Amino acid sequence: MELQTIQNRIYEIRGQKVLLDFDLAELYGTETKKLKQAVRRNIARFPSDFMFELTKDEYNSLRSQFVTLENTGRGKYSKYTPFAFTEQGIAMLASVLRSPKAIEVNIQIVRAFVFLRKYALSHAELTQKLRELETKYNKQFNDVFEAINFLLQKDKTLVEQKNRKKIGFK
Protein backbone atom coordinates (compact mmCIF):
# COMPACT_ATOMS: atom_id res chain seq x y z
CA MET A 1 0.00 0.00 0.00
CA GLU A 2 1.48 3.32 -1.05
CA LEU A 3 1.67 6.06 1.59
CA GLN A 4 0.52 8.69 -0.94
CA THR A 5 -2.65 6.68 -1.67
CA ILE A 6 -3.59 6.78 2.00
CA GLN A 7 -2.67 10.45 2.42
CA ASN A 8 -4.97 11.38 -0.47
CA ARG A 9 -7.90 9.85 1.42
CA ILE A 10 -7.33 11.75 4.65
CA TYR A 11 -9.74 14.66 5.01
CA GLU A 12 -10.08 17.40 7.55
CA ILE A 13 -13.56 17.40 9.04
CA ARG A 14 -14.56 19.25 12.22
CA GLY A 15 -10.94 20.28 12.62
CA GLN A 16 -9.70 16.68 12.70
CA LYS A 17 -7.82 14.56 10.19
CA VAL A 18 -10.01 11.56 9.40
CA LEU A 19 -10.47 8.63 7.05
CA LEU A 20 -14.01 7.74 5.95
CA ASP A 21 -15.53 4.29 6.32
CA PHE A 22 -15.84 3.58 2.58
CA ASP A 23 -12.16 4.44 1.99
CA LEU A 24 -11.13 2.26 4.92
CA ALA A 25 -13.29 -0.59 3.65
CA GLU A 26 -11.63 -0.32 0.25
CA LEU A 27 -8.16 -0.24 1.81
CA TYR A 28 -8.98 -3.26 4.00
CA GLY A 29 -10.50 -5.13 1.06
CA THR A 30 -13.93 -5.48 2.63
CA GLU A 31 -17.41 -4.04 2.17
CA THR A 32 -18.35 -0.79 3.87
CA LYS A 33 -21.42 -2.54 5.30
CA LYS A 34 -19.26 -5.19 7.02
CA LEU A 35 -16.88 -2.57 8.41
CA LYS A 36 -19.80 -0.58 9.85
CA GLN A 37 -21.32 -3.77 11.33
CA ALA A 38 -18.04 -4.59 13.07
CA VAL A 39 -17.85 -1.06 14.46
CA ARG A 40 -21.47 -1.11 15.66
CA ARG A 41 -20.90 -4.46 17.40
CA ASN A 42 -17.99 -2.83 19.25
CA ILE A 43 -19.34 0.71 19.55
CA ALA A 44 -18.03 1.10 23.12
CA ARG A 45 -14.50 1.07 21.65
CA PHE A 46 -15.26 4.13 19.53
CA PRO A 47 -15.95 7.27 21.58
CA SER A 48 -16.67 10.52 19.73
CA ASP A 49 -12.98 11.51 19.60
CA PHE A 50 -12.20 8.20 17.82
CA MET A 51 -15.13 8.09 15.39
CA PHE A 52 -18.16 10.17 14.49
CA GLU A 53 -20.89 10.03 11.87
CA LEU A 54 -21.00 12.84 9.33
CA THR A 55 -24.11 14.97 9.07
CA LYS A 56 -25.94 15.09 5.73
CA ASP A 57 -24.61 18.62 5.12
CA GLU A 58 -21.01 17.59 5.88
CA TYR A 59 -21.30 14.60 3.59
CA ASN A 60 -22.86 16.60 0.74
CA SER A 61 -20.15 19.23 1.09
CA LEU A 62 -17.50 16.53 1.03
CA ARG A 63 -19.10 14.74 -1.92
CA SER A 64 -18.80 17.91 -3.98
CA GLN A 65 -15.03 17.65 -3.47
CA PHE A 66 -14.88 14.18 -5.00
CA VAL A 67 -14.01 14.87 -8.62
CA THR A 68 -14.93 11.48 -10.01
CA LEU A 69 -17.62 10.36 -7.59
CA GLU A 70 -19.53 8.37 -10.22
CA ASN A 71 -16.43 6.48 -11.38
CA THR A 72 -15.21 5.54 -7.92
CA GLY A 73 -18.57 4.50 -6.56
CA ARG A 74 -17.87 6.46 -3.38
CA GLY A 75 -21.28 6.12 -1.84
CA LYS A 76 -23.06 7.55 -4.87
CA TYR A 77 -26.33 5.88 -3.95
CA SER A 78 -25.68 5.47 -0.24
CA LYS A 79 -28.57 6.51 1.94
CA TYR A 80 -26.37 6.45 5.05
CA THR A 81 -23.81 9.04 6.00
CA PRO A 82 -20.30 7.69 6.49
CA PHE A 83 -18.35 7.24 9.70
CA ALA A 84 -15.23 9.36 10.04
CA PHE A 85 -12.35 7.74 11.92
CA THR A 86 -9.61 9.74 13.62
CA GLU A 87 -6.11 8.33 14.02
CA GLN A 88 -7.09 6.81 17.38
CA GLY A 89 -10.23 5.31 15.87
CA ILE A 90 -8.22 3.68 13.12
CA ALA A 91 -5.84 2.23 15.70
CA MET A 92 -8.89 0.86 17.53
CA LEU A 93 -10.12 -0.69 14.27
CA ALA A 94 -7.05 -2.94 14.44
CA SER A 95 -8.56 -4.62 17.51
CA VAL A 96 -11.91 -5.06 15.74
CA LEU A 97 -10.70 -6.16 12.31
CA ARG A 98 -8.14 -8.90 12.78
CA SER A 99 -7.31 -10.06 9.25
CA PRO A 100 -3.63 -9.94 8.18
CA LYS A 101 -4.51 -7.38 5.50
CA ALA A 102 -6.27 -5.16 8.07
CA ILE A 103 -3.18 -5.24 10.29
CA GLU A 104 -0.87 -4.41 7.35
CA VAL A 105 -3.11 -1.57 6.18
CA ASN A 106 -3.45 -0.20 9.73
CA ILE A 107 0.32 0.06 10.02
CA GLN A 108 0.46 2.03 6.76
CA ILE A 109 -2.38 4.30 7.86
CA VAL A 110 -0.69 5.08 11.18
CA ARG A 111 2.51 5.89 9.25
CA ALA A 112 0.55 8.26 7.00
CA PHE A 113 -0.91 10.07 10.01
CA VAL A 114 2.53 10.33 11.64
CA PHE A 115 3.95 11.75 8.40
CA LEU A 116 1.17 14.34 8.21
CA ARG A 117 1.72 15.32 11.84
CA LYS A 118 5.47 15.78 11.25
CA TYR A 119 4.72 17.82 8.13
CA ALA A 120 2.26 20.02 10.02
CA LEU A 121 4.78 20.58 12.82
CA SER A 122 7.57 21.49 10.42
CA HIS A 123 5.15 23.76 8.57
CA ALA A 124 4.26 25.51 11.84
CA GLU A 125 7.95 25.93 12.69
CA LEU A 126 8.66 27.31 9.24
CA THR A 127 5.76 29.76 9.52
CA GLN A 128 7.06 30.97 12.87
CA LYS A 129 10.58 31.47 11.44
CA LEU A 130 9.16 33.43 8.51
CA ARG A 131 7.24 35.68 10.89
CA GLU A 132 10.40 36.32 12.89
CA LEU A 133 12.34 37.18 9.72
CA GLU A 134 9.52 39.39 8.51
CA THR A 135 9.50 41.31 11.79
CA LYS A 136 13.29 41.68 11.76
CA TYR A 137 13.56 42.79 8.15
CA ASN A 138 10.45 44.98 8.14
CA LYS A 139 12.24 47.28 10.58
CA GLN A 140 15.29 47.38 8.30
CA PHE A 141 13.15 47.98 5.21
CA ASN A 142 11.28 50.76 6.97
CA ASP A 143 14.62 52.44 7.67
CA VAL A 144 15.63 52.07 4.00
CA PHE A 145 12.29 53.46 2.80
CA GLU A 146 12.63 56.45 5.13
CA ALA A 147 16.12 57.12 3.78
CA ILE A 148 14.90 56.90 0.17
CA ASN A 149 11.99 59.22 0.90
CA PHE A 150 14.35 61.67 2.57
CA LEU A 151 16.65 61.63 -0.49
CA LEU A 152 13.68 62.06 -2.83
CA GLN A 153 12.45 65.02 -0.81
CA LYS A 154 15.97 66.46 -0.82
CA ASP A 155 16.20 66.07 -4.64
CA LYS A 156 12.77 67.68 -5.01
CA THR A 157 13.90 70.60 -2.86
CA LEU A 158 17.07 71.00 -4.95
CA VAL A 159 15.06 71.04 -8.19
CA GLU A 160 12.69 73.63 -6.73
CA GLN A 161 15.65 75.78 -5.69
CA LYS A 162 17.16 75.65 -9.19
CA ASN A 163 13.86 76.63 -10.79
CA ARG A 164 13.11 79.58 -8.54
CA LYS A 165 13.66 83.10 -9.71
CA LYS A 166 17.01 84.48 -8.56
CA ILE A 167 17.13 87.79 -6.86
CA GLY A 168 20.00 90.10 -6.32
CA PHE A 169 22.69 91.75 -8.47
CA LYS A 170 24.25 90.30 -11.58
C-alpha atoms as a PDB file:
ATOM      1  CA  MET A   1       0.000   0.000   0.000  1.00  0.00           C
ATOM      2  CA  GLU A   2       1.477   3.317  -1.048  1.00  0.00           C
ATOM      3  CA  LEU A   3       1.672   6.061   1.589  1.00  0.00           C
ATOM      4  CA  GLN A   4       0.517   8.692  -0.935  1.00  0.00           C
ATOM      5  CA  THR A   5      -2.648   6.678  -1.671  1.00  0.00           C
ATOM      6  CA  ILE A   6      -3.594   6.780   1.999  1.00  0.00           C
ATOM      7  CA  GLN A   7      -2.675  10.447   2.423  1.00  0.00           C
ATOM      8  CA  ASN A   8      -4.975  11.378  -0.474  1.00  0.00           C
ATOM      9  CA  ARG A   9      -7.899   9.849   1.419  1.00  0.00           C
ATOM     10  CA  ILE A  10      -7.329  11.754   4.647  1.00  0.00           C
ATOM     11  CA  TYR A  11      -9.742  14.656   5.011  1.00  0.00           C
ATOM     12  CA  GLU A  12     -10.080  17.402   7.554  1.00  0.00           C
ATOM     13  CA  ILE A  13     -13.561  17.404   9.045  1.00  0.00           C
ATOM     14  CA  ARG A  14     -14.562  19.245  12.220  1.00  0.00           C
ATOM     15  CA  GLY A  15     -10.937  20.277  12.619  1.00  0.00           C
ATOM     16  CA  GLN A  16      -9.701  16.680  12.701  1.00  0.00           C
ATOM     17  CA  LYS A  17      -7.821  14.564  10.187  1.00  0.00           C
ATOM     18  CA  VAL A  18     -10.009  11.559   9.400  1.00  0.00           C
ATOM     19  CA  LEU A  19     -10.475   8.630   7.049  1.00  0.00           C
ATOM     20  CA  LEU A  20     -14.006   7.744   5.946  1.00  0.00           C
ATOM     21  CA  ASP A  21     -15.530   4.294   6.321  1.00  0.00           C
ATOM     22  CA  PHE A  22     -15.837   3.579   2.579  1.00  0.00           C
ATOM     23  CA  ASP A  23     -12.164   4.444   1.994  1.00  0.00           C
ATOM     24  CA  LEU A  24     -11.130   2.260   4.920  1.00  0.00           C
ATOM     25  CA  ALA A  25     -13.291  -0.590   3.654  1.00  0.00           C
ATOM     26  CA  GLU A  26     -11.627  -0.324   0.248  1.00  0.00           C
ATOM     27  CA  LEU A  27      -8.158  -0.244   1.809  1.00  0.00           C
ATOM     28  CA  TYR A  28      -8.980  -3.262   3.998  1.00  0.00           C
ATOM     29  CA  GLY A  29     -10.500  -5.129   1.058  1.00  0.00           C
ATOM     30  CA  THR A  30     -13.931  -5.485   2.629  1.00  0.00           C
ATOM     31  CA  GLU A  31     -17.408  -4.038   2.167  1.00  0.00           C
ATOM     32  CA  THR A  32     -18.353  -0.787   3.873  1.00  0.00           C
ATOM     33  CA  LYS A  33     -21.417  -2.537   5.300  1.00  0.00           C
ATOM     34  CA  LYS A  34     -19.257  -5.188   7.017  1.00  0.00           C
ATOM     35  CA  LEU A  35     -16.882  -2.572   8.409  1.00  0.00           C
ATOM     36  CA  LYS A  36     -19.800  -0.582   9.851  1.00  0.00           C
ATOM     37  CA  GLN A  37     -21.317  -3.765  11.330  1.00  0.00           C
ATOM     38  CA  ALA A  38     -18.036  -4.590  13.074  1.00  0.00           C
ATOM     39  CA  VAL A  39     -17.849  -1.056  14.459  1.00  0.00           C
ATOM     40  CA  ARG A  40     -21.466  -1.107  15.662  1.00  0.00           C
ATOM     41  CA  ARG A  41     -20.897  -4.463  17.403  1.00  0.00           C
ATOM     42  CA  ASN A  42     -17.985  -2.833  19.255  1.00  0.00           C
ATOM     43  CA  ILE A  43     -19.342   0.715  19.547  1.00  0.00           C
ATOM     44  CA  ALA A  44     -18.026   1.100  23.124  1.00  0.00           C
ATOM     45  CA  ARG A  45     -14.500   1.068  21.649  1.00  0.00           C
ATOM     46  CA  PHE A  46     -15.261   4.134  19.526  1.00  0.00           C
ATOM     47  CA  PRO A  47     -15.947   7.275  21.585  1.00  0.00           C
ATOM     48  CA  SER A  48     -16.669  10.518  19.734  1.00  0.00           C
ATOM     49  CA  ASP A  49     -12.985  11.508  19.604  1.00  0.00           C
ATOM     50  CA  PHE A  50     -12.202   8.202  17.824  1.00  0.00           C
ATOM     51  CA  MET A  51     -15.129   8.094  15.393  1.00  0.00           C
ATOM     52  CA  PHE A  52     -18.156  10.174  14.485  1.00  0.00           C
ATOM     53  CA  GLU A  53     -20.885  10.029  11.872  1.00  0.00           C
ATOM     54  CA  LEU A  54     -21.001  12.840   9.326  1.00  0.00           C
ATOM     55  CA  THR A  55     -24.109  14.969   9.065  1.00  0.00           C
ATOM     56  CA  LYS A  56     -25.939  15.089   5.733  1.00  0.00           C
ATOM     57  CA  ASP A  57     -24.606  18.621   5.119  1.00  0.00           C
ATOM     58  CA  GLU A  58     -21.012  17.587   5.877  1.00  0.00           C
ATOM     59  CA  TYR A  59     -21.305  14.596   3.589  1.00  0.00           C
ATOM     60  CA  ASN A  60     -22.865  16.604   0.745  1.00  0.00           C
ATOM     61  CA  SER A  61     -20.148  19.228   1.091  1.00  0.00           C
ATOM     62  CA  LEU A  62     -17.499  16.535   1.035  1.00  0.00           C
ATOM     63  CA  ARG A  63     -19.100  14.739  -1.923  1.00  0.00           C
ATOM     64  CA  SER A  64     -18.802  17.912  -3.980  1.00  0.00           C
ATOM     65  CA  GLN A  65     -15.031  17.655  -3.471  1.00  0.00           C
ATOM     66  CA  PHE A  66     -14.877  14.177  -5.000  1.00  0.00           C
ATOM     67  CA  VAL A  67     -14.015  14.874  -8.623  1.00  0.00           C
ATOM     68  CA  THR A  68     -14.932  11.478 -10.010  1.00  0.00           C
ATOM     69  CA  LEU A  69     -17.623  10.362  -7.592  1.00  0.00           C
ATOM     70  CA  GLU A  70     -19.528   8.374 -10.220  1.00  0.00           C
ATOM     71  CA  ASN A  71     -16.433   6.478 -11.378  1.00  0.00           C
ATOM     72  CA  THR A  72     -15.207   5.539  -7.918  1.00  0.00           C
ATOM     73  CA  GLY A  73     -18.568   4.501  -6.556  1.00  0.00           C
ATOM     74  CA  ARG A  74     -17.870   6.465  -3.376  1.00  0.00           C
ATOM     75  CA  GLY A  75     -21.281   6.120  -1.842  1.00  0.00           C
ATOM     76  CA  LYS A  76     -23.057   7.552  -4.873  1.00  0.00           C
ATOM     77  CA  TYR A  77     -26.329   5.880  -3.952  1.00  0.00           C
ATOM     78  CA  SER A  78     -25.676   5.468  -0.241  1.00  0.00           C
ATOM     79  CA  LYS A  79     -28.573   6.505   1.943  1.00  0.00           C
ATOM     80  CA  TYR A  80     -26.374   6.455   5.046  1.00  0.00           C
ATOM     81  CA  THR A  81     -23.805   9.039   6.004  1.00  0.00           C
ATOM     82  CA  PRO A  82     -20.300   7.688   6.494  1.00  0.00           C
ATOM     83  CA  PHE A  83     -18.351   7.241   9.697  1.00  0.00           C
ATOM     84  CA  ALA A  84     -15.228   9.361  10.039  1.00  0.00           C
ATOM     85  CA  PHE A  85     -12.355   7.737  11.925  1.00  0.00           C
ATOM     86  CA  THR A  86      -9.605   9.736  13.622  1.00  0.00           C
ATOM     87  CA  GLU A  87      -6.108   8.329  14.022  1.00  0.00           C
ATOM     88  CA  GLN A  88      -7.089   6.806  17.381  1.00  0.00           C
ATOM     89  CA  GLY A  89     -10.231   5.305  15.868  1.00  0.00           C
ATOM     90  CA  ILE A  90      -8.218   3.678  13.116  1.00  0.00           C
ATOM     91  CA  ALA A  91      -5.838   2.226  15.699  1.00  0.00           C
ATOM     92  CA  MET A  92      -8.891   0.864  17.526  1.00  0.00           C
ATOM     93  CA  LEU A  93     -10.122  -0.694  14.272  1.00  0.00           C
ATOM     94  CA  ALA A  94      -7.052  -2.943  14.440  1.00  0.00           C
ATOM     95  CA  SER A  95      -8.564  -4.619  17.511  1.00  0.00           C
ATOM     96  CA  VAL A  96     -11.910  -5.058  15.745  1.00  0.00           C
ATOM     97  CA  LEU A  97     -10.698  -6.158  12.306  1.00  0.00           C
ATOM     98  CA  ARG A  98      -8.140  -8.897  12.783  1.00  0.00           C
ATOM     99  CA  SER A  99      -7.307 -10.059   9.252  1.00  0.00           C
ATOM    100  CA  PRO A 100      -3.634  -9.941   8.183  1.00  0.00           C
ATOM    101  CA  LYS A 101      -4.508  -7.379   5.503  1.00  0.00           C
ATOM    102  CA  ALA A 102      -6.267  -5.160   8.066  1.00  0.00           C
ATOM    103  CA  ILE A 103      -3.180  -5.241  10.290  1.00  0.00           C
ATOM    104  CA  GLU A 104      -0.871  -4.409   7.354  1.00  0.00           C
ATOM    105  CA  VAL A 105      -3.114  -1.567   6.183  1.00  0.00           C
ATOM    106  CA  ASN A 106      -3.452  -0.197   9.725  1.00  0.00           C
ATOM    107  CA  ILE A 107       0.322   0.055  10.019  1.00  0.00           C
ATOM    108  CA  GLN A 108       0.463   2.030   6.764  1.00  0.00           C
ATOM    109  CA  ILE A 109      -2.378   4.302   7.865  1.00  0.00           C
ATOM    110  CA  VAL A 110      -0.691   5.081  11.180  1.00  0.00           C
ATOM    111  CA  ARG A 111       2.507   5.887   9.247  1.00  0.00           C
ATOM    112  CA  ALA A 112       0.548   8.261   7.002  1.00  0.00           C
ATOM    113  CA  PHE A 113      -0.915  10.070  10.015  1.00  0.00           C
ATOM    114  CA  VAL A 114       2.534  10.329  11.635  1.00  0.00           C
ATOM    115  CA  PHE A 115       3.950  11.755   8.398  1.00  0.00           C
ATOM    116  CA  LEU A 116       1.165  14.336   8.213  1.00  0.00           C
ATOM    117  CA  ARG A 117       1.722  15.322  11.839  1.00  0.00           C
ATOM    118  CA  LYS A 118       5.474  15.776  11.246  1.00  0.00           C
ATOM    119  CA  TYR A 119       4.720  17.817   8.128  1.00  0.00           C
ATOM    120  CA  ALA A 120       2.265  20.016  10.024  1.00  0.00           C
ATOM    121  CA  LEU A 121       4.778  20.583  12.825  1.00  0.00           C
ATOM    122  CA  SER A 122       7.569  21.488  10.418  1.00  0.00           C
ATOM    123  CA  HIS A 123       5.149  23.757   8.569  1.00  0.00           C
ATOM    124  CA  ALA A 124       4.260  25.509  11.836  1.00  0.00           C
ATOM    125  CA  GLU A 125       7.953  25.931  12.694  1.00  0.00           C
ATOM    126  CA  LEU A 126       8.661  27.312   9.236  1.00  0.00           C
ATOM    127  CA  THR A 127       5.763  29.755   9.515  1.00  0.00           C
ATOM    128  CA  GLN A 128       7.062  30.973  12.872  1.00  0.00           C
ATOM    129  CA  LYS A 129      10.581  31.472  11.443  1.00  0.00           C
ATOM    130  CA  LEU A 130       9.158  33.427   8.505  1.00  0.00           C
ATOM    131  CA  ARG A 131       7.240  35.677  10.894  1.00  0.00           C
ATOM    132  CA  GLU A 132      10.397  36.317  12.893  1.00  0.00           C
ATOM    133  CA  LEU A 133      12.339  37.182   9.724  1.00  0.00           C
ATOM    134  CA  GLU A 134       9.523  39.388   8.506  1.00  0.00           C
ATOM    135  CA  THR A 135       9.496  41.314  11.789  1.00  0.00           C
ATOM    136  CA  LYS A 136      13.285  41.681  11.761  1.00  0.00           C
ATOM    137  CA  TYR A 137      13.562  42.793   8.154  1.00  0.00           C
ATOM    138  CA  ASN A 138      10.448  44.983   8.140  1.00  0.00           C
ATOM    139  CA  LYS A 139      12.244  47.280  10.585  1.00  0.00           C
ATOM    140  CA  GLN A 140      15.291  47.382   8.305  1.00  0.00           C
ATOM    141  CA  PHE A 141      13.153  47.978   5.211  1.00  0.00           C
ATOM    142  CA  ASN A 142      11.285  50.758   6.972  1.00  0.00           C
ATOM    143  CA  ASP A 143      14.619  52.444   7.672  1.00  0.00           C
ATOM    144  CA  VAL A 144      15.631  52.067   4.001  1.00  0.00           C
ATOM    145  CA  PHE A 145      12.289  53.462   2.797  1.00  0.00           C
ATOM    146  CA  GLU A 146      12.629  56.448   5.129  1.00  0.00           C
ATOM    147  CA  ALA A 147      16.119  57.121   3.778  1.00  0.00           C
ATOM    148  CA  ILE A 148      14.902  56.896   0.168  1.00  0.00           C
ATOM    149  CA  ASN A 149      11.989  59.221   0.899  1.00  0.00           C
ATOM    150  CA  PHE A 150      14.349  61.670   2.569  1.00  0.00           C
ATOM    151  CA  LEU A 151      16.647  61.631  -0.489  1.00  0.00           C
ATOM    152  CA  LEU A 152      13.683  62.058  -2.833  1.00  0.00           C
ATOM    153  CA  GLN A 153      12.455  65.017  -0.814  1.00  0.00           C
ATOM    154  CA  LYS A 154      15.971  66.462  -0.821  1.00  0.00           C
ATOM    155  CA  ASP A 155      16.197  66.070  -4.645  1.00  0.00           C
ATOM    156  CA  LYS A 156      12.766  67.678  -5.008  1.00  0.00           C
ATOM    157  CA  THR A 157      13.897  70.603  -2.858  1.00  0.00           C
ATOM    158  CA  LEU A 158      17.070  71.004  -4.945  1.00  0.00           C
ATOM    159  CA  VAL A 159      15.058  71.041  -8.188  1.00  0.00           C
ATOM    160  CA  GLU A 160      12.689  73.634  -6.730  1.00  0.00           C
ATOM    161  CA  GLN A 161      15.646  75.784  -5.687  1.00  0.00           C
ATOM    162  CA  LYS A 162      17.162  75.650  -9.195  1.00  0.00           C
ATOM    163  CA  ASN A 163      13.857  76.627 -10.793  1.00  0.00           C
ATOM    164  CA  ARG A 164      13.109  79.578  -8.541  1.00  0.00           C
ATOM    165  CA  LYS A 165      13.661  83.100  -9.708  1.00  0.00           C
ATOM    166  CA  LYS A 166      17.007  84.477  -8.559  1.00  0.00           C
ATOM    167  CA  ILE A 167      17.127  87.785  -6.861  1.00  0.00           C
ATOM    168  CA  GLY A 168      19.998  90.098  -6.320  1.00  0.00           C
ATOM    169  CA  PHE A 169      22.692  91.755  -8.473  1.00  0.00           C
ATOM    170  CA  LYS A 170      24.248  90.298 -11.579  1.00  0.00           C
END
